[in-house]
N, C-alpha and C. Protein backbone atom coordinates (compact mmCIF):
# COMPACT_ATOMS: atom_id res chain seq x y z
N MET A 1 131.07 -25.54 -40.75
CA MET A 1 130.74 -25.85 -39.62
C MET A 1 129.32 -25.29 -39.43
N LYS A 2 128.24 -25.84 -38.78
CA LYS A 2 127.11 -25.37 -38.44
C LYS A 2 126.99 -25.20 -37.11
N LEU A 3 126.76 -24.08 -36.60
CA LEU A 3 126.23 -23.80 -35.17
C LEU A 3 124.93 -24.28 -34.76
N SER A 4 124.66 -25.10 -33.36
CA SER A 4 123.80 -25.06 -33.15
C SER A 4 123.09 -24.55 -32.04
N LYS A 5 123.75 -23.21 -31.92
CA LYS A 5 122.98 -21.97 -31.06
C LYS A 5 123.80 -20.63 -31.57
N GLN A 6 123.14 -19.75 -31.27
CA GLN A 6 123.71 -18.36 -31.81
C GLN A 6 124.74 -17.88 -30.98
N GLY A 7 125.07 -18.32 -29.53
CA GLY A 7 126.12 -18.25 -29.08
C GLY A 7 127.22 -18.81 -28.69
N LEU A 8 128.11 -18.83 -27.89
CA LEU A 8 129.38 -19.58 -27.73
C LEU A 8 129.67 -20.00 -26.40
N ASP A 9 130.13 -21.13 -25.96
CA ASP A 9 130.67 -21.52 -24.73
C ASP A 9 132.03 -21.13 -24.49
N LEU A 10 132.51 -20.56 -23.22
CA LEU A 10 133.70 -20.25 -22.96
C LEU A 10 134.10 -20.75 -21.29
N GLY A 11 135.00 -21.81 -21.68
CA GLY A 11 135.08 -21.88 -20.26
C GLY A 11 136.64 -21.33 -19.69
N LEU A 12 136.75 -21.13 -18.47
CA LEU A 12 137.88 -20.35 -17.81
C LEU A 12 138.40 -21.49 -16.83
N ILE A 13 139.43 -21.81 -16.63
CA ILE A 13 140.02 -22.87 -15.67
C ILE A 13 140.37 -21.55 -14.58
N VAL A 14 140.00 -21.67 -13.19
CA VAL A 14 140.13 -20.93 -12.12
C VAL A 14 141.05 -21.39 -10.83
N THR A 15 141.64 -20.39 -10.30
CA THR A 15 142.23 -20.88 -8.83
C THR A 15 141.35 -20.37 -7.73
N ASP A 16 140.54 -19.51 -7.89
CA ASP A 16 139.80 -19.19 -6.86
C ASP A 16 138.29 -19.01 -7.50
N LEU A 17 137.54 -20.01 -7.07
CA LEU A 17 136.10 -20.23 -7.91
C LEU A 17 135.27 -19.25 -7.26
N GLU A 18 134.97 -18.77 -6.09
CA GLU A 18 134.39 -17.83 -5.10
C GLU A 18 134.49 -16.53 -5.64
N ALA A 19 135.99 -15.98 -5.99
CA ALA A 19 136.12 -15.04 -6.14
C ALA A 19 135.67 -14.49 -7.62
N MET A 20 135.68 -15.72 -8.38
CA MET A 20 135.87 -15.28 -10.16
C MET A 20 134.27 -15.47 -9.95
N THR A 21 133.21 -16.29 -9.43
CA THR A 21 131.87 -16.41 -9.16
C THR A 21 131.45 -15.09 -8.98
N ALA A 22 132.02 -14.49 -7.91
CA ALA A 22 131.51 -13.00 -7.30
C ALA A 22 131.72 -11.83 -8.44
N PHE A 23 132.88 -12.02 -9.02
CA PHE A 23 133.09 -11.09 -10.15
C PHE A 23 132.06 -11.03 -11.28
N TYR A 24 132.01 -12.22 -11.91
CA TYR A 24 130.98 -12.45 -13.04
C TYR A 24 129.57 -12.26 -12.71
N ARG A 25 129.27 -13.34 -11.72
CA ARG A 25 127.66 -13.23 -11.19
C ARG A 25 127.41 -12.04 -10.35
N ASP A 26 127.92 -11.79 -9.52
CA ASP A 26 127.41 -10.60 -8.88
C ASP A 26 127.95 -8.91 -9.44
N LEU A 27 129.08 -8.85 -9.61
CA LEU A 27 129.66 -7.53 -10.22
C LEU A 27 129.11 -7.31 -11.45
N LEU A 28 129.30 -8.53 -12.54
CA LEU A 28 128.80 -8.22 -13.96
C LEU A 28 127.35 -8.65 -13.94
N GLU A 29 126.72 -8.98 -13.28
CA GLU A 29 125.32 -9.53 -12.96
C GLU A 29 124.89 -10.61 -14.09
N LEU A 30 125.89 -11.58 -14.22
CA LEU A 30 125.47 -12.70 -15.39
C LEU A 30 124.85 -13.69 -14.44
N PRO A 31 123.61 -14.03 -14.89
CA PRO A 31 122.83 -15.13 -14.06
C PRO A 31 123.52 -16.48 -14.04
N GLU A 32 123.50 -17.07 -12.67
CA GLU A 32 124.08 -18.39 -12.71
C GLU A 32 123.02 -19.38 -13.06
N VAL A 33 123.53 -20.23 -14.23
CA VAL A 33 122.79 -21.09 -14.77
C VAL A 33 122.86 -22.55 -14.25
N GLY A 34 123.88 -22.91 -13.74
CA GLY A 34 124.20 -24.24 -13.25
C GLY A 34 125.48 -24.26 -12.76
N ARG A 35 125.41 -25.03 -11.49
CA ARG A 35 126.71 -25.33 -10.62
C ARG A 35 126.77 -27.02 -10.78
N ARG A 36 127.86 -27.53 -11.05
CA ARG A 36 127.95 -28.95 -10.91
C ARG A 36 129.51 -29.39 -10.68
N THR A 37 129.72 -30.69 -10.29
CA THR A 37 130.93 -31.45 -10.13
C THR A 37 130.98 -32.29 -11.35
N ASN A 38 131.95 -32.23 -12.32
CA ASN A 38 132.20 -33.23 -13.28
C ASN A 38 133.67 -33.89 -13.14
N GLY A 39 134.00 -34.72 -14.16
CA GLY A 39 135.28 -35.21 -13.86
C GLY A 39 136.41 -34.43 -13.68
N TRP A 40 136.37 -33.00 -13.82
CA TRP A 40 137.56 -32.23 -14.08
C TRP A 40 137.49 -31.45 -12.78
N GLY A 41 136.35 -31.06 -11.92
CA GLY A 41 136.28 -30.69 -10.81
C GLY A 41 134.79 -29.94 -10.48
N LEU A 42 134.75 -28.88 -9.88
CA LEU A 42 133.83 -28.07 -9.90
C LEU A 42 133.50 -27.03 -10.74
N MET A 43 132.30 -26.83 -11.51
CA MET A 43 132.04 -25.91 -12.48
C MET A 43 130.71 -25.12 -11.84
N VAL A 44 130.82 -23.61 -12.25
CA VAL A 44 129.79 -22.79 -12.32
C VAL A 44 129.55 -22.23 -13.60
N GLU A 45 128.45 -22.50 -14.00
CA GLU A 45 128.10 -21.82 -15.42
C GLU A 45 127.13 -20.54 -15.25
N LEU A 46 127.61 -19.46 -16.22
CA LEU A 46 126.87 -18.25 -15.85
C LEU A 46 126.43 -17.64 -17.38
N GLY A 47 125.11 -17.30 -17.66
CA GLY A 47 124.48 -17.21 -18.94
C GLY A 47 124.99 -15.44 -19.00
N ALA A 48 125.23 -15.26 -20.56
CA ALA A 48 125.65 -14.08 -21.04
C ALA A 48 125.05 -14.14 -22.78
N GLY A 49 123.63 -13.74 -22.40
CA GLY A 49 122.94 -13.84 -23.73
C GLY A 49 122.68 -15.20 -24.04
N SER A 50 123.22 -15.59 -25.28
CA SER A 50 122.76 -16.85 -25.79
C SER A 50 123.91 -17.59 -25.37
N SER A 51 125.20 -17.11 -24.77
CA SER A 51 126.60 -17.80 -24.69
C SER A 51 126.61 -18.35 -23.13
N VAL A 52 127.52 -18.83 -22.72
CA VAL A 52 127.56 -19.71 -21.46
C VAL A 52 129.16 -18.96 -21.01
N ILE A 53 129.60 -18.70 -19.75
CA ILE A 53 130.53 -18.80 -19.26
C ILE A 53 130.83 -19.79 -18.31
N ARG A 54 131.70 -20.86 -18.58
CA ARG A 54 131.96 -21.92 -17.41
C ARG A 54 133.21 -21.38 -16.79
N LEU A 55 133.27 -21.16 -15.48
CA LEU A 55 134.36 -21.12 -14.52
C LEU A 55 134.49 -22.56 -13.96
N LEU A 56 135.64 -23.14 -14.00
CA LEU A 56 135.78 -24.69 -13.66
C LEU A 56 137.27 -24.26 -12.76
N LEU A 57 136.90 -25.01 -11.44
CA LEU A 57 137.87 -25.23 -10.57
C LEU A 57 138.34 -26.63 -10.57
N PRO A 58 139.57 -26.87 -11.19
CA PRO A 58 139.95 -28.26 -11.15
C PRO A 58 140.46 -29.32 -10.17
N THR A 59 139.86 -30.32 -9.96
CA THR A 59 140.64 -31.20 -9.01
C THR A 59 142.11 -30.97 -8.68
N THR A 60 142.94 -30.88 -9.99
CA THR A 60 144.29 -30.80 -9.92
C THR A 60 144.93 -29.36 -9.91
N SER A 61 145.88 -29.04 -9.47
CA SER A 61 146.29 -27.70 -9.19
C SER A 61 146.31 -26.68 -10.47
N ALA A 62 145.58 -25.41 -10.50
CA ALA A 62 145.87 -24.60 -11.50
C ALA A 62 146.52 -23.40 -11.09
N THR A 63 147.31 -23.16 -12.16
CA THR A 63 148.13 -21.82 -11.97
C THR A 63 147.84 -21.08 -13.20
N SER A 64 148.15 -19.34 -12.60
CA SER A 64 147.90 -18.41 -13.42
C SER A 64 149.29 -18.09 -13.89
N VAL A 65 149.22 -17.67 -15.25
CA VAL A 65 150.43 -17.39 -16.07
C VAL A 65 150.43 -15.72 -15.99
N PRO A 66 151.37 -15.09 -15.37
CA PRO A 66 151.25 -13.63 -15.48
C PRO A 66 151.82 -13.11 -17.00
N GLY A 67 151.44 -12.34 -17.64
CA GLY A 67 151.52 -11.62 -18.71
C GLY A 67 150.60 -10.43 -19.15
N ASP A 68 151.21 -9.58 -19.75
CA ASP A 68 150.01 -8.51 -20.46
C ASP A 68 149.38 -8.99 -21.62
N LEU A 69 148.56 -8.33 -22.27
CA LEU A 69 147.59 -8.54 -22.99
C LEU A 69 147.98 -9.36 -24.29
N LEU A 70 148.95 -8.99 -24.49
CA LEU A 70 149.75 -9.78 -25.92
C LEU A 70 150.80 -10.62 -25.60
N ALA A 71 151.06 -11.02 -24.28
CA ALA A 71 152.48 -11.60 -24.25
C ALA A 71 151.94 -13.22 -24.38
N LEU A 72 151.02 -13.59 -24.32
CA LEU A 72 150.83 -15.00 -24.33
C LEU A 72 149.70 -15.15 -25.70
N THR A 73 149.59 -16.25 -26.29
CA THR A 73 148.70 -16.79 -27.10
C THR A 73 147.62 -17.49 -26.52
N GLY A 74 146.58 -17.77 -26.89
CA GLY A 74 145.16 -18.51 -26.50
C GLY A 74 144.43 -17.25 -26.04
N VAL A 75 143.52 -17.33 -25.31
CA VAL A 75 142.24 -16.44 -24.76
C VAL A 75 142.88 -15.45 -23.86
N ARG A 76 142.72 -14.13 -24.10
CA ARG A 76 143.43 -13.32 -23.45
C ARG A 76 142.54 -12.18 -22.87
N TYR A 77 141.33 -12.27 -23.62
CA TYR A 77 140.34 -10.99 -23.27
C TYR A 77 138.98 -11.64 -23.54
N ILE A 78 137.79 -11.12 -22.70
CA ILE A 78 136.78 -11.57 -23.06
C ILE A 78 135.67 -10.09 -23.33
N THR A 79 134.87 -10.15 -24.49
CA THR A 79 134.13 -9.10 -24.80
C THR A 79 132.56 -9.10 -24.32
N PHE A 80 132.02 -8.36 -23.52
CA PHE A 80 130.68 -8.26 -23.36
C PHE A 80 130.22 -6.86 -24.15
N PRO A 81 129.48 -7.15 -25.08
CA PRO A 81 128.57 -5.92 -25.78
C PRO A 81 127.55 -5.62 -24.94
N VAL A 82 127.35 -4.36 -24.60
CA VAL A 82 126.61 -3.81 -23.14
C VAL A 82 125.93 -2.49 -23.68
N ALA A 83 124.77 -2.20 -23.13
CA ALA A 83 124.03 -1.08 -23.36
C ALA A 83 124.23 -0.15 -22.42
N ASP A 84 124.88 -0.43 -21.19
CA ASP A 84 125.15 0.49 -20.04
C ASP A 84 126.79 0.70 -19.66
N ILE A 85 127.48 0.81 -20.58
CA ILE A 85 129.37 1.01 -20.24
C ILE A 85 129.68 1.81 -19.21
N ASP A 86 128.97 3.13 -19.07
CA ASP A 86 129.24 3.93 -18.11
C ASP A 86 128.99 3.22 -16.74
N GLU A 87 127.40 2.83 -16.53
CA GLU A 87 127.13 2.20 -15.34
C GLU A 87 128.25 1.07 -15.15
N THR A 88 128.30 -0.03 -16.06
CA THR A 88 129.08 -1.24 -15.79
C THR A 88 130.47 -0.81 -15.05
N SER A 89 131.21 0.08 -15.79
CA SER A 89 132.27 0.77 -15.76
C SER A 89 132.59 1.27 -14.54
N ALA A 90 131.72 1.71 -13.98
CA ALA A 90 131.76 2.93 -12.58
C ALA A 90 131.69 1.90 -11.64
N ARG A 91 130.73 0.65 -11.75
CA ARG A 91 130.72 -0.44 -10.90
C ARG A 91 132.05 -1.10 -10.54
N LEU A 92 132.68 -1.56 -11.93
CA LEU A 92 134.13 -2.16 -11.77
C LEU A 92 134.98 -1.54 -11.08
N ALA A 93 134.93 -0.12 -11.36
CA ALA A 93 136.20 0.80 -10.56
C ALA A 93 135.62 1.05 -9.64
N ASP A 94 134.74 1.18 -8.69
CA ASP A 94 134.30 1.30 -7.41
C ASP A 94 134.46 0.08 -6.82
N TRP A 95 134.58 -1.19 -7.32
CA TRP A 95 134.70 -2.53 -6.65
C TRP A 95 136.34 -2.56 -6.32
N GLY A 96 137.05 -2.09 -7.34
CA GLY A 96 138.59 -1.90 -7.43
C GLY A 96 139.02 -2.69 -8.54
N ALA A 97 138.17 -3.37 -9.49
CA ALA A 97 138.86 -3.83 -10.35
C ALA A 97 140.02 -3.07 -11.18
N PRO A 98 141.33 -3.95 -11.64
CA PRO A 98 142.16 -3.25 -12.25
C PRO A 98 142.00 -3.03 -13.55
N LEU A 99 142.28 -1.51 -13.79
CA LEU A 99 142.01 -0.96 -15.19
C LEU A 99 142.99 -1.40 -16.05
N VAL A 100 142.38 -2.13 -17.22
CA VAL A 100 143.68 -2.61 -17.92
C VAL A 100 143.91 -1.74 -19.38
N LEU A 101 142.56 -1.23 -19.74
CA LEU A 101 142.83 0.07 -21.02
C LEU A 101 141.59 1.04 -20.65
N PRO A 102 142.05 2.45 -20.53
CA PRO A 102 140.86 3.35 -20.21
C PRO A 102 139.75 3.48 -21.23
N MET A 103 138.95 3.95 -20.92
CA MET A 103 137.70 4.21 -21.68
C MET A 103 138.09 4.73 -23.16
N THR A 104 137.91 4.25 -24.00
CA THR A 104 138.27 4.54 -25.35
C THR A 104 137.16 5.06 -26.48
N ASP A 105 137.11 5.95 -26.99
CA ASP A 105 136.00 6.18 -28.33
C ASP A 105 136.63 6.35 -29.23
N VAL A 106 136.08 5.53 -30.16
CA VAL A 106 136.50 5.26 -31.85
C VAL A 106 135.26 5.96 -32.72
N GLY A 107 134.52 6.46 -32.11
CA GLY A 107 133.39 7.50 -33.11
C GLY A 107 132.31 6.47 -32.99
N THR A 108 132.14 5.19 -33.58
CA THR A 108 131.02 4.46 -33.76
C THR A 108 131.00 3.45 -32.41
N ALA A 109 131.84 3.40 -31.64
CA ALA A 109 132.03 2.79 -30.31
C ALA A 109 132.82 3.20 -29.26
N ARG A 110 132.42 2.63 -28.04
CA ARG A 110 133.34 3.04 -26.93
C ARG A 110 133.65 1.65 -26.02
N PHE A 111 134.92 1.53 -25.77
CA PHE A 111 135.11 0.67 -25.03
C PHE A 111 136.00 0.76 -23.77
N VAL A 112 136.19 -0.13 -22.82
CA VAL A 112 137.25 -0.29 -21.89
C VAL A 112 137.55 -1.57 -20.94
N MET A 113 138.80 -1.81 -20.55
CA MET A 113 138.85 -3.15 -20.18
C MET A 113 139.43 -3.12 -18.75
N TYR A 114 138.93 -3.86 -18.06
CA TYR A 114 139.28 -4.14 -16.36
C TYR A 114 139.63 -5.73 -16.51
N ALA A 115 140.34 -6.13 -15.45
CA ALA A 115 140.91 -7.34 -15.12
C ALA A 115 140.02 -8.05 -14.22
N ASP A 116 139.55 -9.30 -14.39
CA ASP A 116 138.95 -10.07 -13.31
C ASP A 116 139.70 -10.24 -12.17
N PRO A 117 139.19 -10.99 -11.07
CA PRO A 117 140.40 -11.32 -10.14
C PRO A 117 141.58 -12.27 -10.24
N GLU A 118 141.54 -12.96 -11.56
CA GLU A 118 142.47 -13.81 -11.77
C GLU A 118 143.53 -13.30 -12.96
N GLY A 119 143.26 -12.16 -13.57
CA GLY A 119 143.82 -11.19 -14.31
C GLY A 119 143.65 -11.34 -16.01
N ASN A 120 142.32 -11.83 -15.96
CA ASN A 120 142.09 -12.28 -17.57
C ASN A 120 141.25 -10.56 -17.62
N ALA A 121 141.44 -10.05 -19.17
CA ALA A 121 140.87 -8.89 -19.26
C ALA A 121 139.77 -8.92 -19.61
N VAL A 122 138.74 -8.28 -19.50
CA VAL A 122 137.23 -8.23 -19.56
C VAL A 122 137.05 -6.79 -20.22
N GLU A 123 136.69 -6.74 -21.44
CA GLU A 123 136.29 -5.91 -22.08
C GLU A 123 134.50 -5.47 -22.29
N LEU A 124 134.47 -4.07 -22.12
CA LEU A 124 132.97 -3.79 -21.93
C LEU A 124 133.02 -3.01 -23.37
N PHE A 125 132.01 -3.26 -24.31
CA PHE A 125 131.90 -2.47 -25.72
C PHE A 125 130.78 -2.05 -25.90
N GLN A 126 130.34 -0.65 -26.14
CA GLN A 126 129.35 -0.45 -26.43
C GLN A 126 128.97 0.32 -27.90
N ARG A 127 128.35 0.12 -28.56
CA ARG A 127 128.16 0.82 -29.89
C ARG A 127 127.61 2.13 -29.72
N VAL A 128 127.85 3.12 -30.42
CA VAL A 128 127.16 4.74 -30.25
C VAL A 128 126.09 4.90 -31.34
N ASN A 129 125.02 4.93 -31.11
CA ASN A 129 124.02 5.23 -31.85
C ASN A 129 124.10 6.75 -32.57
N SER A 130 124.24 6.53 -33.64
CA SER A 130 124.65 7.89 -34.81
C SER A 130 123.03 8.33 -35.27
């Protein structure tokens, strides 16, 4: 396989488009790069470096499946490599995002996980300069 761009596009089916857009666009500060209606429903596209996160509110009813991080197969968490892990983590905590995994230091990197409004785990990951 030869990729046509460096990034990856990830689609999340959502039940509350406004809450999810507020989390990713306003709280995580990902720029909104598109909003459109397609054959499946209303979609908001957010830029994440050279990647795109697509939030799709389907025209048919979507349901969330409860479960912990390892309870289901499929996409269970999204990792954002960040340069400001402490600042972004504090913003998520102040907003009241549920903590999934506390700040962990593994020597060469630090990471922390929060849940978005629909329970998806969102990992912030920062390499430690040595």
